[in-house]
């Protein structure tokens, strides 16, 4: 799964990488957690891309009482196209979730050790996401979930799943609601090449979403 990630920014860096025209203020976040309001990239008018904000935890548009439903933060890439919870967004409302790294926990002697995973060149990541628009009494609520896929060789040593990361050359097709071929879309959700990634242990302070700051992404010895 993907339950925490890092979003350093600034907005201008993401705007350049994702080619967005509209933006939202982005403050550095070193321990992004579910339920928070976060920037996402979606298809705009024509061939443009917009950056907007959405809550992490999907609420499908057809839900009557969201408080009685679990708001999934992840969806499996292999089954999202057919699951009632995700299939509408998979067809019509795919997004990119900007990030600089993500955390995953490895089972070790004495508990679980958090690891930070990022690209070797520290370039931004575009997680594959699904977005929904729930119409409530106070207006439209935008929410999203992050797709996960099988791990690459690097991630397999840490966890059995990893976020699906879209390659930059596939951004346009992924965001295009007119692209409906499920096999073509799922091919974009293959595990990110391990040769382009690195992973290292970080402080267990990241276990609490109340903790934030650049110290969370510093390398530590495993077990600390």
Protein backbone atom coordinates (compact mmCIF):
# COMPACT_ATOMS: atom_id res chain seq x y z
CA UNK A 1 0.00 0.00 0.00
CA UNK A 2 0.94 3.65 0.04
CA UNK A 3 0.00 5.37 3.29
CA UNK A 4 2.52 8.21 3.66
CA UNK A 5 4.57 10.31 1.32
CA UNK A 6 6.79 13.39 1.04
CA UNK A 7 5.95 16.56 -0.84
CA UNK A 8 8.74 19.12 -0.70
CA UNK A 9 7.77 21.37 -3.61
CA UNK A 10 7.90 24.23 -4.32
CA UNK A 11 4.83 24.68 -6.49
CA UNK A 12 6.95 26.08 -9.34
CA UNK A 13 8.94 22.83 -9.46
CA UNK A 14 5.78 20.74 -9.76
CA UNK A 15 4.28 23.15 -12.26
CA UNK A 16 7.33 22.74 -14.47
CA UNK A 17 7.44 18.96 -14.11
CA UNK A 18 3.71 18.31 -14.61
CA UNK A 19 3.03 21.13 -17.03
CA UNK A 20 0.18 22.64 -15.01
CA UNK A 21 -1.23 26.07 -15.75
CA UNK A 22 -3.29 26.69 -12.63
CA UNK A 23 -1.73 26.14 -9.22
CA UNK A 24 -2.25 25.90 -5.52
CA UNK A 25 0.02 26.95 -2.67
CA UNK A 26 2.29 24.09 -1.61
CA UNK A 27 4.20 24.15 1.66
CA UNK A 28 6.88 21.48 2.28
CA UNK A 29 5.35 18.38 3.86
CA UNK A 30 7.57 15.54 5.07
CA UNK A 31 4.88 13.24 6.44
CA UNK A 32 1.77 13.49 4.26
CA UNK A 33 -1.02 11.31 5.68
CA UNK A 34 -4.55 10.20 4.72
CA UNK A 35 -7.52 12.56 5.18
CA UNK A 36 -5.40 15.63 4.47
CA UNK A 37 -6.19 18.18 1.74
CA UNK A 38 -3.47 17.77 -0.88
CA UNK A 39 -2.52 18.96 -4.39
CA UNK A 40 -3.35 16.75 -7.36
CA UNK A 41 -2.99 17.19 -11.12
CA UNK A 42 -5.97 16.66 -13.41
CA UNK A 43 -6.87 17.24 -17.05
CA UNK A 44 -8.04 20.78 -17.69
CA UNK A 45 -9.84 22.26 -20.66
CA UNK A 46 -8.42 21.16 -23.98
CA UNK A 47 -4.97 19.71 -23.49
CA UNK A 48 -4.14 21.76 -20.38
CA UNK A 49 -3.41 20.39 -16.92
CA UNK A 50 -4.68 21.93 -13.70
CA UNK A 51 -3.43 21.61 -10.16
CA UNK A 52 -6.24 21.48 -7.64
CA UNK A 53 -6.74 20.19 -4.09
CA UNK A 54 -8.49 17.04 -2.88
CA UNK A 55 -8.79 15.01 0.31
CA UNK A 56 -6.86 11.76 0.47
CA UNK A 57 -9.53 9.10 0.97
CA UNK A 58 -12.00 8.39 -1.84
CA UNK A 59 -15.72 9.14 -1.57
CA UNK A 60 -17.55 7.91 -4.73
CA UNK A 61 -20.11 10.34 -6.12
CA UNK A 62 -22.96 7.84 -5.61
CA UNK A 63 -22.45 7.48 -1.84
CA UNK A 64 -25.41 8.76 0.22
CA UNK A 65 -23.83 8.86 3.68
CA UNK A 66 -20.01 9.14 3.54
CA UNK A 67 -19.62 8.85 7.32
CA UNK A 68 -20.90 5.26 7.14
CA UNK A 69 -18.32 4.27 4.52
CA UNK A 70 -14.60 3.62 4.70
CA UNK A 71 -12.76 6.10 2.49
CA UNK A 72 -10.07 4.00 0.77
CA UNK A 73 -6.68 5.66 0.35
CA UNK A 74 -5.44 3.02 -2.12
CA UNK A 75 -6.84 0.98 -5.00
CA UNK A 76 -5.24 -2.03 -6.65
CA UNK A 77 -4.13 -1.32 -10.21
CA UNK A 78 -5.08 -4.85 -11.22
CA UNK A 79 -8.75 -4.54 -10.23
CA UNK A 80 -9.66 -0.83 -10.06
CA UNK A 81 -11.23 -0.91 -13.53
CA UNK A 82 -13.92 -3.38 -12.39
CA UNK A 83 -14.45 -2.61 -8.70
CA UNK A 84 -17.66 -0.60 -8.11
CA UNK A 85 -15.82 1.73 -5.72
CA UNK A 86 -13.26 2.76 -8.35
CA UNK A 87 -14.41 1.89 -11.86
CA UNK A 88 -16.06 5.23 -12.69
CA UNK A 89 -12.98 7.22 -11.66
CA UNK A 90 -10.72 4.76 -13.46
CA UNK A 91 -12.61 5.41 -16.69
CA UNK A 92 -13.23 9.14 -16.42
CA UNK A 93 -11.31 10.85 -13.62
CA UNK A 94 -7.68 9.76 -13.48
CA UNK A 95 -5.18 12.11 -11.85
CA UNK A 96 -1.53 12.43 -10.89
CA UNK A 97 -0.50 12.91 -7.27
CA UNK A 98 2.72 14.96 -6.98
CA UNK A 99 5.32 13.62 -4.55
CA UNK A 100 9.05 13.59 -3.97
CA UNK A 101 9.28 10.30 -2.07
CA UNK A 102 7.16 7.84 -0.14
CA UNK A 103 7.50 5.75 3.00
CA UNK A 104 7.00 2.04 3.49
CA UNK A 105 7.53 -0.18 6.51
CA UNK A 106 9.71 -3.29 6.48
CA UNK A 107 9.20 -6.06 9.03
CA UNK A 108 12.40 -6.43 11.04
CA UNK A 109 13.37 -7.98 14.35
CA UNK A 110 11.59 -6.03 17.04
CA UNK A 111 8.95 -4.40 14.88
CA UNK A 112 8.72 -2.43 11.64
CA UNK A 113 11.37 -0.16 10.17
CA UNK A 114 10.23 2.79 8.02
CA UNK A 115 12.07 3.31 4.74
CA UNK A 116 12.08 6.31 2.44
CA UNK A 117 11.93 5.53 -1.28
CA UNK A 118 12.65 8.07 -4.01
CA UNK A 119 14.22 8.43 -7.44
CA UNK A 120 18.00 8.48 -7.54
CA UNK A 121 18.02 11.88 -9.21
CA UNK A 122 15.40 13.16 -6.71
CA UNK A 123 13.01 14.17 -9.50
CA UNK A 124 9.29 14.51 -8.70
CA UNK A 125 7.05 11.46 -8.83
CA UNK A 126 3.57 11.31 -10.33
CA UNK A 127 1.56 8.67 -8.47
CA UNK A 128 -1.36 7.29 -10.44
CA UNK A 129 -4.53 8.44 -8.74
CA UNK A 130 -8.31 8.30 -9.05
CA UNK A 131 -10.46 11.30 -8.17
CA UNK A 132 -14.15 11.61 -7.31
CA UNK A 133 -16.51 14.55 -6.80
CA UNK A 134 -19.05 14.04 -4.02
CA UNK A 135 -21.94 16.52 -3.92
CA UNK A 136 -22.86 17.28 -0.33
CA UNK A 137 -24.97 19.91 1.45
CA UNK A 138 -22.04 22.32 1.55
CA UNK A 139 -20.97 21.81 -2.06
CA UNK A 140 -18.61 19.55 -3.96
CA UNK A 141 -15.99 17.59 -2.03
CA UNK A 142 -13.00 16.40 -4.09
CA UNK A 143 -11.34 13.19 -2.91
CA UNK A 144 -8.78 10.75 -4.29
CA UNK A 145 -7.09 7.39 -3.89
CA UNK A 146 -3.62 6.28 -5.01
CA UNK A 147 -3.26 3.18 -7.17
CA UNK A 148 -0.81 0.51 -6.06
CA UNK A 149 0.91 -2.21 -8.04
CA UNK A 150 3.24 -5.18 -7.61
CA UNK A 151 6.66 -4.22 -6.17
CA UNK A 152 9.82 -3.94 -8.23
CA UNK A 153 12.94 -5.80 -7.06
CA UNK A 154 13.98 -2.96 -4.75
CA UNK A 155 10.57 -2.66 -3.12
CA UNK A 156 10.05 -6.41 -2.81
CA UNK A 157 12.68 -6.40 -0.06
CA UNK A 158 10.56 -3.91 1.90
CA UNK A 159 6.88 -4.48 1.10
CA UNK A 160 4.59 -6.50 -1.15
CA UNK A 161 3.03 -3.43 -2.82
CA UNK A 162 4.17 -0.02 -4.06
CA UNK A 163 2.44 3.06 -5.50
CA UNK A 164 1.94 2.97 -9.25
CA UNK A 165 4.17 5.71 -10.66
CA UNK A 166 3.35 7.07 -14.10
CA UNK A 167 6.26 7.73 -16.43
CA UNK A 168 6.34 11.40 -17.59
CA UNK A 169 5.89 10.42 -21.24
CA UNK A 170 2.56 8.78 -20.28
CA UNK A 171 1.12 11.73 -18.32
CA UNK A 172 -0.99 12.98 -21.22
CA UNK A 173 -2.58 9.61 -21.96
CA UNK A 174 -3.14 8.80 -18.30
CA UNK A 175 -5.01 12.06 -17.70
CA UNK A 176 -7.05 11.85 -20.90
CA UNK A 177 -10.62 10.59 -20.18
CA UNK A 178 -10.96 9.66 -23.85
CA UNK A 179 -8.35 6.92 -23.35
CA UNK A 180 -10.54 4.02 -22.24
CA UNK A 181 -8.61 0.90 -23.23
CA UNK A 182 -8.13 -0.90 -19.92
CA UNK A 183 -5.09 -2.88 -21.06
CA UNK A 184 -3.39 0.28 -22.30
CA UNK A 185 -4.10 2.04 -19.02
CA UNK A 186 -2.94 -0.89 -16.89
CA UNK A 187 0.29 -1.03 -18.89
CA UNK A 188 1.09 2.43 -17.50
CA UNK A 189 0.78 1.04 -13.97
CA UNK A 190 3.69 -1.39 -14.15
CA UNK A 191 6.25 -1.28 -11.30
CA UNK A 192 8.61 1.68 -11.63
CA UNK A 193 12.14 0.58 -12.72
CA UNK A 194 14.17 -0.25 -9.63
CA UNK A 195 17.40 0.98 -11.26
CA UNK A 196 16.00 4.52 -11.05
CA UNK A 197 15.11 4.31 -7.35
CA UNK A 198 16.83 4.18 -3.98
CA UNK A 199 15.60 3.25 -0.51
CA UNK A 200 17.05 3.74 2.96
CA UNK A 201 15.87 3.51 6.60
CA UNK A 202 14.58 6.61 8.34
CA UNK A 203 13.55 7.55 11.86
CA UNK A 204 10.56 5.87 13.44
CA UNK A 205 9.30 9.36 14.19
CA UNK A 206 7.55 9.07 10.82
CA UNK A 207 5.21 6.52 12.41
CA UNK A 208 3.19 9.40 13.86
CA UNK A 209 1.55 11.77 11.35
CA UNK A 210 1.87 14.47 14.01
CA UNK A 211 5.60 14.57 13.29
CA UNK A 212 6.83 16.62 10.35
CA UNK A 213 10.09 18.21 9.23
CA UNK A 214 13.18 17.52 7.11
CA UNK A 215 14.74 15.33 9.82
CA UNK A 216 12.21 12.61 8.89
CA UNK A 217 13.85 11.99 5.52
CA UNK A 218 17.40 11.66 6.86
CA UNK A 219 19.06 8.26 6.67
CA UNK A 220 19.46 6.36 9.96
CA UNK A 221 20.77 2.96 10.95
CA UNK A 222 18.15 0.23 10.73
CA UNK A 223 16.49 -0.36 14.08
CA UNK A 224 16.45 3.27 15.20
